[in-house]
Amino acid sequence: METKAGGASVKAWKIAGFSAAALGAIFLACGLLVDFGAYNVAADAPHSAPVFWLMNEIRSHSIAVRSRDIALPAGFGTPTQVSAGAGLYADMCGGCHLAPGMERTEISQGLYPAAPELSRPTGLTPQEEFWIIKHGVKMTGMAAWGKTHSDTLIWDMVAFVQTLPSLTPQQYQALVKSAPADHDEMMKDMNGMPDMNGMPGMQHGGHH
């Protein structure tokens, strides 16, 4: 006669065996999907709703966790900082994230997932925006600007992005025109970079 302890042990082994078999079947199915290229990675073929939801949840929680200990710099959001950020934004970001009164560009229409239009509120904190700009985001087309730009320049961009949803098209253009220096000058001043305008094939027009 089977004891209660023995019956529980057999039941536990059956559950463990079933779980292992189920996991094995899942891994096998995933392997076949990968091997046969079943999942369409084309940017013009949207994710299924469950995949899109999962990626959004992973991304938002990852950013929130990694940005929560970032401290705002002293004097964050000054007019000088916002003005400097406006020039950087026009040079680096507007093509994908657009600006007040700006038509959708070719690259913004081709990105998937679509880059957020930053003239609309995003609900992100300055710390979250700093982390995103500095480190980029996998599988979105968002570059890690921290590889080439100092934290000071990134905070300038954040200060401007925080202001952007409140700007009219005319105010946006005025801020860009009044930016203190062009992109190359800011990079040279902040990072000790050589003057790229003097190099063959590297002449850039400013945003003025």
N, C-alpha and C. Protein backbone atom coordinates (compact mmCIF):
# COMPACT_ATOMS: atom_id res chain seq x y z
N MET A 1 0.85 -1.19 0.00
CA MET A 1 0.00 0.00 0.00
C MET A 1 0.88 1.24 0.00
N GLU A 2 0.61 2.17 -0.90
CA GLU A 2 1.44 3.35 -1.04
C GLU A 2 1.17 4.32 0.09
N THR A 3 2.24 4.79 0.75
CA THR A 3 2.10 5.76 1.84
C THR A 3 1.80 7.13 1.27
N LYS A 4 1.32 8.04 2.19
CA LYS A 4 1.05 9.41 1.74
C LYS A 4 2.32 10.10 1.28
N ALA A 5 3.41 9.87 2.03
CA ALA A 5 4.70 10.48 1.67
C ALA A 5 5.16 9.98 0.30
N GLY A 6 5.00 8.66 0.10
CA GLY A 6 5.41 8.09 -1.17
C GLY A 6 4.56 8.61 -2.31
N GLY A 7 3.24 8.74 -2.07
CA GLY A 7 2.35 9.27 -3.11
C GLY A 7 2.68 10.70 -3.46
N ALA A 8 3.01 11.50 -2.44
CA ALA A 8 3.38 12.90 -2.68
C ALA A 8 4.66 12.99 -3.49
N SER A 9 5.59 12.09 -3.18
CA SER A 9 6.87 12.10 -3.89
C SER A 9 6.68 11.75 -5.36
N VAL A 10 5.85 10.73 -5.63
CA VAL A 10 5.57 10.34 -7.02
C VAL A 10 4.89 11.48 -7.77
N LYS A 11 3.95 12.14 -7.09
CA LYS A 11 3.23 13.25 -7.72
C LYS A 11 4.18 14.39 -8.05
N ALA A 12 5.10 14.66 -7.11
CA ALA A 12 6.07 15.73 -7.33
C ALA A 12 6.95 15.42 -8.53
N TRP A 13 7.37 14.14 -8.63
CA TRP A 13 8.22 13.75 -9.77
C TRP A 13 7.46 13.86 -11.08
N LYS A 14 6.18 13.52 -11.06
CA LYS A 14 5.37 13.64 -12.27
C LYS A 14 5.25 15.10 -12.72
N ILE A 15 5.02 15.98 -11.73
CA ILE A 15 4.90 17.42 -12.04
C ILE A 15 6.21 17.95 -12.60
N ALA A 16 7.32 17.54 -11.96
CA ALA A 16 8.64 17.97 -12.43
C ALA A 16 8.92 17.47 -13.83
N GLY A 17 8.55 16.20 -14.08
CA GLY A 17 8.76 15.64 -15.41
C GLY A 17 7.93 16.34 -16.46
N PHE A 18 6.67 16.65 -16.13
CA PHE A 18 5.81 17.36 -17.06
C PHE A 18 6.34 18.76 -17.35
N SER A 19 6.81 19.44 -16.29
CA SER A 19 7.36 20.79 -16.46
C SER A 19 8.59 20.77 -17.34
N ALA A 20 9.46 19.80 -17.11
CA ALA A 20 10.68 19.69 -17.91
C ALA A 20 10.34 19.42 -19.37
N ALA A 21 9.35 18.53 -19.60
CA ALA A 21 8.94 18.22 -20.96
C ALA A 21 8.34 19.46 -21.65
N ALA A 22 7.53 20.22 -20.89
CA ALA A 22 6.91 21.42 -21.45
C ALA A 22 7.98 22.45 -21.81
N LEU A 23 8.95 22.64 -20.91
CA LEU A 23 10.03 23.58 -21.19
C LEU A 23 10.85 23.13 -22.40
N GLY A 24 11.10 21.83 -22.47
CA GLY A 24 11.84 21.30 -23.61
C GLY A 24 11.11 21.56 -24.91
N ALA A 25 9.79 21.38 -24.89
CA ALA A 25 8.99 21.62 -26.10
C ALA A 25 9.02 23.10 -26.49
N ILE A 26 8.99 23.98 -25.48
CA ILE A 26 9.03 25.42 -25.75
C ILE A 26 10.37 25.81 -26.38
N PHE A 27 11.48 25.30 -25.78
CA PHE A 27 12.80 25.60 -26.32
C PHE A 27 12.97 25.05 -27.73
N LEU A 28 12.42 23.85 -27.96
CA LEU A 28 12.50 23.27 -29.30
C LEU A 28 11.73 24.11 -30.30
N ALA A 29 10.53 24.54 -29.92
CA ALA A 29 9.72 25.36 -30.82
C ALA A 29 10.43 26.68 -31.11
N CYS A 30 11.02 27.30 -30.05
CA CYS A 30 11.75 28.55 -30.25
C CYS A 30 12.95 28.34 -31.18
N GLY A 31 13.64 27.23 -30.97
CA GLY A 31 14.79 26.92 -31.82
C GLY A 31 14.39 26.77 -33.28
N LEU A 32 13.26 26.09 -33.52
CA LEU A 32 12.80 25.92 -34.89
C LEU A 32 12.38 27.25 -35.51
N LEU A 33 11.72 28.11 -34.70
CA LEU A 33 11.32 29.42 -35.20
C LEU A 33 12.54 30.24 -35.62
N VAL A 34 13.59 30.18 -34.78
CA VAL A 34 14.81 30.92 -35.10
C VAL A 34 15.49 30.33 -36.32
N ASP A 35 15.64 29.01 -36.33
CA ASP A 35 16.38 28.34 -37.40
C ASP A 35 15.72 28.54 -38.76
N PHE A 36 14.39 28.53 -38.81
CA PHE A 36 13.68 28.67 -40.07
C PHE A 36 13.37 30.13 -40.41
N GLY A 37 13.82 31.07 -39.54
CA GLY A 37 13.57 32.49 -39.81
C GLY A 37 12.09 32.82 -39.84
N ALA A 38 11.32 32.17 -38.98
CA ALA A 38 9.87 32.33 -39.03
C ALA A 38 9.42 33.72 -38.57
N TYR A 39 10.19 34.34 -37.67
CA TYR A 39 9.76 35.65 -37.17
C TYR A 39 10.26 36.73 -38.12
N ASN A 40 9.35 37.54 -38.60
CA ASN A 40 9.70 38.59 -39.57
C ASN A 40 10.27 39.80 -38.82
N VAL A 41 11.55 40.12 -39.06
CA VAL A 41 12.18 41.24 -38.37
C VAL A 41 12.13 42.53 -39.18
N ALA A 42 11.41 42.54 -40.29
CA ALA A 42 11.32 43.74 -41.13
C ALA A 42 10.69 44.89 -40.35
N ALA A 43 11.24 46.10 -40.55
CA ALA A 43 10.72 47.28 -39.86
C ALA A 43 9.34 47.70 -40.36
N ASP A 44 8.94 47.19 -41.53
CA ASP A 44 7.60 47.51 -42.02
C ASP A 44 6.58 46.41 -41.73
N ALA A 45 6.95 45.48 -40.85
CA ALA A 45 6.03 44.43 -40.40
C ALA A 45 5.90 44.54 -38.89
N PRO A 46 4.86 45.17 -38.37
CA PRO A 46 4.73 45.42 -36.93
C PRO A 46 4.75 44.13 -36.12
N HIS A 47 5.22 44.26 -34.87
CA HIS A 47 5.18 43.14 -33.94
C HIS A 47 3.73 42.73 -33.67
N SER A 48 3.54 41.50 -33.24
CA SER A 48 2.23 41.10 -32.73
C SER A 48 1.99 41.87 -31.43
N ALA A 49 0.72 41.97 -31.05
CA ALA A 49 0.37 42.73 -29.84
C ALA A 49 1.09 42.21 -28.59
N PRO A 50 1.16 40.89 -28.35
CA PRO A 50 1.87 40.41 -27.15
C PRO A 50 3.36 40.76 -27.16
N VAL A 51 4.01 40.63 -28.32
CA VAL A 51 5.44 40.95 -28.41
C VAL A 51 5.65 42.44 -28.19
N PHE A 52 4.80 43.27 -28.80
CA PHE A 52 4.91 44.72 -28.64
C PHE A 52 4.74 45.12 -27.17
N TRP A 53 3.74 44.53 -26.52
CA TRP A 53 3.50 44.82 -25.10
C TRP A 53 4.71 44.41 -24.26
N LEU A 54 5.23 43.21 -24.50
CA LEU A 54 6.36 42.72 -23.71
C LEU A 54 7.58 43.61 -23.89
N MET A 55 7.88 44.01 -25.11
CA MET A 55 9.04 44.85 -25.35
C MET A 55 8.88 46.22 -24.70
N ASN A 56 7.67 46.78 -24.74
CA ASN A 56 7.42 48.07 -24.09
C ASN A 56 7.59 47.96 -22.58
N GLU A 57 7.08 46.87 -21.99
CA GLU A 57 7.20 46.69 -20.55
C GLU A 57 8.66 46.51 -20.14
N ILE A 58 9.39 45.70 -20.87
CA ILE A 58 10.81 45.49 -20.57
C ILE A 58 11.57 46.81 -20.66
N ARG A 59 11.31 47.57 -21.72
CA ARG A 59 12.02 48.82 -21.95
C ARG A 59 11.71 49.85 -20.86
N SER A 60 10.43 50.06 -20.56
CA SER A 60 10.06 51.09 -19.59
C SER A 60 10.57 50.77 -18.20
N HIS A 61 10.47 49.51 -17.77
CA HIS A 61 10.95 49.15 -16.44
C HIS A 61 12.47 49.19 -16.37
N SER A 62 13.15 48.79 -17.44
CA SER A 62 14.60 48.83 -17.46
C SER A 62 15.11 50.26 -17.32
N ILE A 63 14.49 51.18 -18.06
CA ILE A 63 14.90 52.59 -17.99
C ILE A 63 14.61 53.17 -16.61
N ALA A 64 13.44 52.88 -16.06
CA ALA A 64 13.08 53.41 -14.74
C ALA A 64 14.05 52.95 -13.66
N VAL A 65 14.41 51.68 -13.68
CA VAL A 65 15.32 51.14 -12.66
C VAL A 65 16.70 51.76 -12.79
N ARG A 66 17.20 51.89 -14.00
CA ARG A 66 18.59 52.35 -14.20
C ARG A 66 18.75 53.86 -14.09
N SER A 67 17.65 54.60 -14.10
CA SER A 67 17.75 56.06 -14.03
C SER A 67 17.38 56.63 -12.67
N ARG A 68 16.90 55.78 -11.77
CA ARG A 68 16.32 56.33 -10.54
C ARG A 68 17.35 56.95 -9.59
N ASP A 69 18.62 56.59 -9.71
CA ASP A 69 19.65 57.16 -8.84
C ASP A 69 20.42 58.29 -9.49
N ILE A 70 20.01 58.72 -10.68
CA ILE A 70 20.67 59.83 -11.35
C ILE A 70 20.21 61.14 -10.71
N ALA A 71 21.16 62.00 -10.39
CA ALA A 71 20.84 63.28 -9.76
C ALA A 71 20.82 64.39 -10.79
N LEU A 72 19.85 65.30 -10.69
CA LEU A 72 19.83 66.46 -11.57
C LEU A 72 21.03 67.35 -11.27
N PRO A 73 21.68 67.91 -12.29
CA PRO A 73 22.78 68.83 -12.03
C PRO A 73 22.27 70.14 -11.44
N ALA A 74 23.12 70.81 -10.71
CA ALA A 74 22.75 72.10 -10.12
C ALA A 74 22.36 73.08 -11.23
N GLY A 75 21.28 73.83 -11.00
CA GLY A 75 20.84 74.82 -11.98
C GLY A 75 20.22 74.24 -13.23
N PHE A 76 19.75 73.02 -13.16
CA PHE A 76 19.17 72.38 -14.35
C PHE A 76 17.99 73.20 -14.87
N GLY A 77 17.94 73.36 -16.19
CA GLY A 77 16.81 74.02 -16.83
C GLY A 77 16.97 75.51 -17.02
N THR A 78 18.19 76.06 -16.90
CA THR A 78 18.40 77.49 -17.10
C THR A 78 18.17 77.84 -18.57
N PRO A 79 17.84 79.11 -18.87
CA PRO A 79 17.67 79.51 -20.27
C PRO A 79 18.90 79.23 -21.13
N THR A 80 20.11 79.41 -20.56
CA THR A 80 21.33 79.14 -21.31
C THR A 80 21.43 77.67 -21.69
N GLN A 81 21.07 76.80 -20.75
CA GLN A 81 21.12 75.36 -20.99
C GLN A 81 20.09 74.96 -22.04
N VAL A 82 18.88 75.50 -21.93
CA VAL A 82 17.82 75.20 -22.89
C VAL A 82 18.22 75.66 -24.29
N SER A 83 18.83 76.84 -24.37
CA SER A 83 19.26 77.37 -25.67
C SER A 83 20.32 76.48 -26.30
N ALA A 84 21.31 76.05 -25.50
CA ALA A 84 22.34 75.15 -26.02
C ALA A 84 21.72 73.83 -26.48
N GLY A 85 20.79 73.32 -25.70
CA GLY A 85 20.12 72.08 -26.06
C GLY A 85 19.31 72.18 -27.34
N ALA A 86 18.78 73.38 -27.61
CA ALA A 86 17.99 73.58 -28.83
C ALA A 86 18.85 73.36 -30.07
N GLY A 87 20.07 73.88 -30.04
CA GLY A 87 20.96 73.69 -31.18
C GLY A 87 21.33 72.24 -31.38
N LEU A 88 21.63 71.56 -30.28
CA LEU A 88 21.97 70.14 -30.37
C LEU A 88 20.79 69.33 -30.88
N TYR A 89 19.60 69.64 -30.38
CA TYR A 89 18.40 68.90 -30.80
C TYR A 89 18.16 69.06 -32.30
N ALA A 90 18.28 70.30 -32.79
CA ALA A 90 18.05 70.53 -34.22
C ALA A 90 19.03 69.75 -35.08
N ASP A 91 20.29 69.65 -34.63
CA ASP A 91 21.31 68.95 -35.41
C ASP A 91 21.19 67.44 -35.31
N MET A 92 20.83 66.92 -34.14
CA MET A 92 20.95 65.50 -33.87
C MET A 92 19.63 64.75 -33.81
N CYS A 93 18.56 65.42 -33.40
CA CYS A 93 17.35 64.68 -33.00
C CYS A 93 16.13 64.93 -33.86
N GLY A 94 16.05 66.15 -34.46
CA GLY A 94 14.82 66.53 -35.14
C GLY A 94 14.42 65.62 -36.29
N GLY A 95 15.41 65.02 -36.96
CA GLY A 95 15.08 64.16 -38.09
C GLY A 95 14.22 62.98 -37.72
N CYS A 96 14.42 62.45 -36.52
CA CYS A 96 13.63 61.30 -36.05
C CYS A 96 12.48 61.72 -35.14
N HIS A 97 12.77 62.66 -34.21
CA HIS A 97 11.79 63.01 -33.18
C HIS A 97 10.96 64.24 -33.53
N LEU A 98 11.28 64.88 -34.68
CA LEU A 98 10.53 66.02 -35.21
C LEU A 98 10.56 67.21 -34.26
N ALA A 99 9.76 68.23 -34.57
CA ALA A 99 9.74 69.46 -33.81
C ALA A 99 8.41 70.16 -34.08
N PRO A 100 8.05 71.16 -33.29
CA PRO A 100 6.77 71.85 -33.52
C PRO A 100 6.66 72.39 -34.94
N GLY A 101 5.57 72.08 -35.60
CA GLY A 101 5.32 72.55 -36.95
C GLY A 101 6.08 71.82 -38.03
N MET A 102 6.82 70.77 -37.69
CA MET A 102 7.66 70.05 -38.64
C MET A 102 6.91 68.87 -39.24
N GLU A 103 6.99 68.71 -40.56
CA GLU A 103 6.38 67.56 -41.22
C GLU A 103 7.21 66.31 -40.91
N ARG A 104 6.57 65.16 -41.00
CA ARG A 104 7.29 63.91 -40.76
C ARG A 104 8.35 63.69 -41.84
N THR A 105 9.55 63.35 -41.41
CA THR A 105 10.66 63.14 -42.34
C THR A 105 10.62 61.71 -42.88
N GLU A 106 11.45 61.46 -43.88
CA GLU A 106 11.51 60.11 -44.45
C GLU A 106 11.98 59.10 -43.40
N ILE A 107 13.00 59.47 -42.61
CA ILE A 107 13.49 58.50 -41.63
C ILE A 107 12.48 58.28 -40.51
N SER A 108 11.76 59.32 -40.11
CA SER A 108 10.78 59.14 -39.04
C SER A 108 9.65 58.22 -39.49
N GLN A 109 9.32 58.25 -40.76
CA GLN A 109 8.26 57.38 -41.28
C GLN A 109 8.72 55.93 -41.40
N GLY A 110 10.04 55.72 -41.52
CA GLY A 110 10.54 54.36 -41.72
C GLY A 110 10.97 53.66 -40.46
N LEU A 111 11.04 54.38 -39.33
CA LEU A 111 11.48 53.76 -38.09
C LEU A 111 10.39 52.89 -37.48
N TYR A 112 10.80 51.74 -36.93
CA TYR A 112 9.86 50.90 -36.16
C TYR A 112 10.62 50.24 -35.02
N PRO A 113 10.14 50.44 -33.78
CA PRO A 113 8.99 51.26 -33.43
C PRO A 113 9.24 52.73 -33.74
N ALA A 114 8.17 53.46 -33.98
CA ALA A 114 8.30 54.87 -34.33
C ALA A 114 8.96 55.64 -33.19
N ALA A 115 9.85 56.56 -33.55
CA ALA A 115 10.46 57.41 -32.52
C ALA A 115 9.39 58.34 -31.96
N PRO A 116 9.36 58.54 -30.64
CA PRO A 116 8.35 59.44 -30.07
C PRO A 116 8.53 60.86 -30.58
N GLU A 117 7.43 61.53 -30.88
CA GLU A 117 7.48 62.93 -31.28
C GLU A 117 7.61 63.77 -30.01
N LEU A 118 8.76 64.34 -29.80
CA LEU A 118 9.07 64.96 -28.51
C LEU A 118 8.45 66.34 -28.33
N SER A 119 7.72 66.82 -29.33
CA SER A 119 6.94 68.04 -29.11
C SER A 119 5.65 67.72 -28.36
N ARG A 120 5.43 66.43 -28.11
CA ARG A 120 4.31 65.99 -27.28
C ARG A 120 4.85 65.44 -25.97
N PRO A 121 4.14 65.65 -24.85
CA PRO A 121 4.64 65.15 -23.56
C PRO A 121 4.86 63.63 -23.59
N THR A 122 5.98 63.19 -23.02
CA THR A 122 6.31 61.76 -23.00
C THR A 122 6.03 61.12 -21.65
N GLY A 123 5.91 61.93 -20.61
CA GLY A 123 5.73 61.38 -19.27
C GLY A 123 7.03 60.91 -18.64
N LEU A 124 8.15 61.08 -19.32
CA LEU A 124 9.45 60.66 -18.79
C LEU A 124 10.02 61.74 -17.88
N THR A 125 10.73 61.33 -16.87
CA THR A 125 11.42 62.27 -15.99
C THR A 125 12.70 62.76 -16.69
N PRO A 126 13.27 63.88 -16.24
CA PRO A 126 14.56 64.31 -16.80
C PRO A 126 15.64 63.23 -16.65
N GLN A 127 15.61 62.52 -15.52
CA GLN A 127 16.61 61.46 -15.30
C GLN A 127 16.44 60.34 -16.32
N GLU A 128 15.20 59.98 -16.61
CA GLU A 128 14.96 58.93 -17.61
C GLU A 128 15.39 59.39 -19.00
N GLU A 129 15.11 60.63 -19.33
CA GLU A 129 15.53 61.15 -20.64
C GLU A 129 17.05 61.21 -20.74
N PHE A 130 17.72 61.59 -19.65
CA PHE A 130 19.18 61.60 -19.65
C PHE A 130 19.72 60.21 -19.91
N TRP A 131 19.18 59.21 -19.22
CA TRP A 131 19.66 57.83 -19.39
C TRP A 131 19.45 57.36 -20.83
N ILE A 132 18.28 57.66 -21.39
CA ILE A 132 17.98 57.22 -22.76
C ILE A 132 18.94 57.87 -23.75
N ILE A 133 19.14 59.18 -23.63
CA ILE A 133 20.02 59.87 -24.57
C ILE A 133 21.46 59.37 -24.42
N LYS A 134 21.90 59.16 -23.20
CA LYS A 134 23.28 58.74 -22.97
C LYS A 134 23.53 57.30 -23.43
N HIS A 135 22.63 56.39 -23.10
CA HIS A 135 22.88 54.96 -23.32
C HIS A 135 22.17 54.39 -24.55
N GLY A 136 21.20 55.11 -25.10
CA GLY A 136 20.45 54.57 -26.23
C GLY A 136 19.52 53.44 -25.81
N VAL A 137 18.79 52.92 -26.76
CA VAL A 137 17.83 51.84 -26.49
C VAL A 137 17.94 50.80 -27.59
N LYS A 138 18.20 49.56 -27.21
CA LYS A 138 18.32 48.48 -28.18
C LYS A 138 17.04 48.33 -29.01
N MET A 139 17.22 47.96 -30.27
CA MET A 139 16.13 47.59 -31.18
C MET A 139 15.10 48.70 -31.37
N THR A 140 15.55 49.97 -31.28
CA THR A 140 14.65 51.09 -31.54
C THR A 140 15.25 52.09 -32.50
N GLY A 141 16.54 52.00 -32.79
CA GLY A 141 17.20 53.02 -33.60
C GLY A 141 17.71 54.18 -32.77
N MET A 142 17.47 54.16 -31.43
CA MET A 142 17.95 55.24 -30.58
C MET A 142 19.42 55.03 -30.25
N ALA A 143 20.26 55.95 -30.70
CA ALA A 143 21.71 55.83 -30.50
C ALA A 143 22.12 56.15 -29.07
N ALA A 144 23.28 55.62 -28.67
CA ALA A 144 23.88 55.93 -27.36
C ALA A 144 24.79 57.15 -27.54
N TRP A 145 24.25 58.35 -27.34
CA TRP A 145 25.01 59.57 -27.58
C TRP A 145 26.10 59.79 -26.53
N GLY A 146 26.06 59.04 -25.45
CA GLY A 146 27.10 59.16 -24.44
C GLY A 146 28.46 58.70 -24.92
N LYS A 147 28.51 57.96 -26.01
CA LYS A 147 29.80 57.52 -26.56
C LYS A 147 30.57 58.68 -27.17
N THR A 148 29.86 59.73 -27.58
CA THR A 148 30.51 60.84 -28.27
C THR A 148 30.23 62.20 -27.63
N HIS A 149 29.31 62.28 -26.67
CA HIS A 149 28.91 63.54 -26.08
C HIS A 149 29.07 63.50 -24.56
N SER A 150 29.51 64.60 -23.99
CA SER A 150 29.70 64.68 -22.54
C SER A 150 28.36 64.72 -21.82
N ASP A 151 28.39 64.44 -20.53
CA ASP A 151 27.17 64.53 -19.72
C ASP A 151 26.60 65.94 -19.75
N THR A 152 27.48 66.95 -19.79
CA THR A 152 27.01 68.34 -19.82
C THR A 152 26.16 68.60 -21.06
N LEU A 153 26.63 68.15 -22.22
CA LEU A 153 25.87 68.33 -23.45
C LEU A 153 24.56 67.55 -23.41
N ILE A 154 24.60 66.36 -22.82
CA ILE A 154 23.37 65.56 -22.74
C ILE A 154 22.35 66.23 -21.83
N TRP A 155 22.81 66.81 -20.72
CA TRP A 155 21.87 67.54 -19.85
C TRP A 155 21.29 68.76 -20.57
N ASP A 156 22.09 69.40 -21.43
CA ASP A 156 21.56 70.50 -22.23
C ASP A 156 20.40 70.01 -23.10
N MET A 157 20.59 68.84 -23.72
CA MET A 157 19.52 68.29 -24.55
C MET A 157 18.29 67.96 -23.73
N VAL A 158 18.51 67.39 -22.53
CA VAL A 158 17.38 67.05 -21.67
C VAL A 158 16.61 68.30 -21.28
N ALA A 159 17.33 69.35 -20.92
CA ALA A 159 16.67 70.60 -20.53
C ALA A 159 15.80 71.13 -21.67
N PHE A 160 16.31 71.02 -22.89
CA PHE A 160 15.51 71.47 -24.03
C PHE A 160 14.32 70.56 -24.28
N VAL A 161 14.54 69.26 -24.24
CA VAL A 161 13.44 68.31 -24.50
C VAL A 161 12.32 68.50 -23.48
N GLN A 162 12.67 68.82 -22.24
CA GLN A 162 11.65 69.07 -21.23
C GLN A 162 10.81 70.30 -21.57
N THR A 163 11.41 71.25 -22.26
CA THR A 163 10.73 72.49 -22.64
C THR A 163 9.95 72.36 -23.94
N LEU A 164 10.38 71.46 -24.79
CA LEU A 164 9.88 71.35 -26.17
C LEU A 164 8.36 71.27 -26.29
N PRO A 165 7.64 70.49 -25.48
CA PRO A 165 6.18 70.39 -25.69
C PRO A 165 5.43 71.70 -25.49
N SER A 166 6.06 72.67 -24.81
CA SER A 166 5.37 73.95 -24.57
C SER A 166 5.67 75.00 -25.64
N LEU A 167 6.49 74.65 -26.64
CA LEU A 167 6.92 75.63 -27.63
C LEU A 167 6.02 75.64 -28.86
N THR A 168 5.79 76.84 -29.38
CA THR A 168 5.14 76.97 -30.69
C THR A 168 6.22 76.80 -31.77
N PRO A 169 5.83 76.58 -33.03
CA PRO A 169 6.83 76.49 -34.10
C PRO A 169 7.74 77.73 -34.16
N GLN A 170 7.16 78.91 -33.93
CA GLN A 170 7.95 80.14 -33.98
C GLN A 170 8.95 80.20 -32.83
N GLN A 171 8.52 79.79 -31.64
CA GLN A 171 9.42 79.78 -30.48
C GLN A 171 10.54 78.77 -30.67
N TYR A 172 10.21 77.63 -31.26
CA TYR A 172 11.23 76.61 -31.52
C TYR A 172 12.29 77.16 -32.46
N GLN A 173 11.88 77.76 -33.56
CA GLN A 173 12.82 78.29 -34.53
C GLN A 173 13.67 79.40 -33.91
N ALA A 174 13.07 80.22 -33.08
CA ALA A 174 13.82 81.30 -32.44
C ALA A 174 14.88 80.74 -31.50
N LEU A 175 14.55 79.69 -30.75
CA LEU A 175 15.53 79.09 -29.85
C LEU A 175 16.69 78.47 -30.63
N VAL A 176 16.38 77.79 -31.72
CA VAL A 176 17.43 77.17 -32.52
C VAL A 176 18.36 78.24 -33.09
N LYS A 177 17.78 79.33 -33.58
CA LYS A 177 18.60 80.40 -34.17
C LYS A 177 19.45 81.10 -33.12
N SER A 178 18.99 81.13 -31.88
CA SER A 178 19.73 81.83 -30.82
C SER A 178 20.70 80.93 -30.07
N ALA A 179 20.80 79.66 -30.49
CA ALA A 179 21.73 78.74 -29.82
C ALA A 179 23.15 79.29 -29.87
N PRO A 180 23.93 79.10 -28.81
CA PRO A 180 25.21 79.80 -28.69
C PRO A 180 26.29 79.37 -29.66
N ALA A 181 26.24 78.17 -30.16
CA ALA A 181 27.29 77.69 -31.07
C ALA A 181 26.74 76.52 -31.86
N ASP A 182 27.41 76.20 -32.97
CA ASP A 182 26.94 75.05 -33.72
C ASP A 182 27.47 73.76 -33.08
N HIS A 183 27.00 72.65 -33.60
CA HIS A 183 27.29 71.35 -33.00
C HIS A 183 28.79 71.09 -32.90
N ASP A 184 29.52 71.35 -33.98
CA ASP A 184 30.95 71.07 -33.97
C ASP A 184 31.68 71.91 -32.93
N GLU A 185 31.26 73.17 -32.77
CA GLU A 185 31.90 74.04 -31.78
C GLU A 185 31.65 73.53 -30.36
N MET A 186 30.41 73.09 -30.09
CA MET A 186 30.10 72.55 -28.76
C MET A 186 30.92 71.31 -28.47
N MET A 187 31.04 70.45 -29.45
CA MET A 187 31.80 69.22 -29.27
C MET A 187 33.27 69.53 -29.02
N LYS A 188 33.81 70.49 -29.77
CA LYS A 188 35.22 70.85 -29.62
C LYS A 188 35.46 71.45 -28.24
N ASP A 189 34.57 72.35 -27.80
CA ASP A 189 34.74 73.01 -26.51
C ASP A 189 34.60 72.04 -25.34
N MET A 190 33.65 71.10 -25.44
CA MET A 190 33.36 70.22 -24.31
C MET A 190 34.31 69.03 -24.24
N ASN A 191 34.73 68.52 -25.37
CA ASN A 191 35.48 67.27 -25.37
C ASN A 191 36.91 67.39 -25.88
N GLY A 192 37.36 68.62 -26.17
CA GLY A 192 38.71 68.79 -26.68
C GLY A 192 38.88 68.22 -28.08
N MET A 193 37.79 68.17 -28.85
CA MET A 193 37.86 67.61 -30.20
C MET A 193 38.55 68.58 -31.14
N PRO A 194 39.21 68.08 -32.18
CA PRO A 194 39.76 68.97 -33.20
C PRO A 194 38.64 69.63 -33.98
N ASP A 195 38.95 70.73 -34.63
CA ASP A 195 37.96 71.44 -35.43
C ASP A 195 37.70 70.64 -36.71
N MET A 196 36.52 69.99 -36.77
CA MET A 196 36.20 69.12 -37.89
C MET A 196 35.95 69.91 -39.17
N ASN A 197 35.64 71.22 -39.01
CA ASN A 197 35.33 72.00 -40.21
C ASN A 197 36.55 72.20 -41.09
N GLY A 198 37.74 72.02 -40.52
CA GLY A 198 38.94 72.21 -41.31
C GLY A 198 39.41 70.96 -42.01
N MET A 199 38.72 69.85 -41.82
CA MET A 199 39.12 68.58 -42.41
C MET A 199 38.39 68.34 -43.73
N PRO A 200 39.10 67.78 -44.72
CA PRO A 200 38.44 67.53 -46.02
C PRO A 200 37.20 66.68 -45.87
N GLY A 201 36.13 67.11 -46.51
CA GLY A 201 34.89 66.34 -46.51
C GLY A 201 34.10 66.45 -45.23
N MET A 202 34.53 67.33 -44.27
CA MET A 202 33.85 67.42 -42.99
C MET A 202 33.26 68.79 -42.75
N GLN A 203 33.08 69.60 -43.80
CA GLN A 203 32.50 70.92 -43.60
C GLN A 203 31.01 70.78 -43.28
N HIS A 204 30.60 71.46 -42.21
CA HIS A 204 29.20 71.39 -41.78
C HIS A 204 28.62 72.80 -41.73
N GLY A 205 27.41 72.93 -42.14
CA GLY A 205 26.73 74.19 -41.93
C GLY A 205 26.16 74.22 -40.53
N GLY A 206 26.14 75.39 -39.92
CA GLY A 206 25.54 75.54 -38.60
C GLY A 206 24.04 75.57 -38.72
N HIS A 207 23.36 75.78 -37.57
CA HIS A 207 21.90 75.83 -37.58
C HIS A 207 21.40 77.27 -37.57
N HIS A 208 22.33 78.23 -37.73
CA HIS A 208 21.90 79.61 -37.71
C HIS A 208 21.33 80.00 -39.08
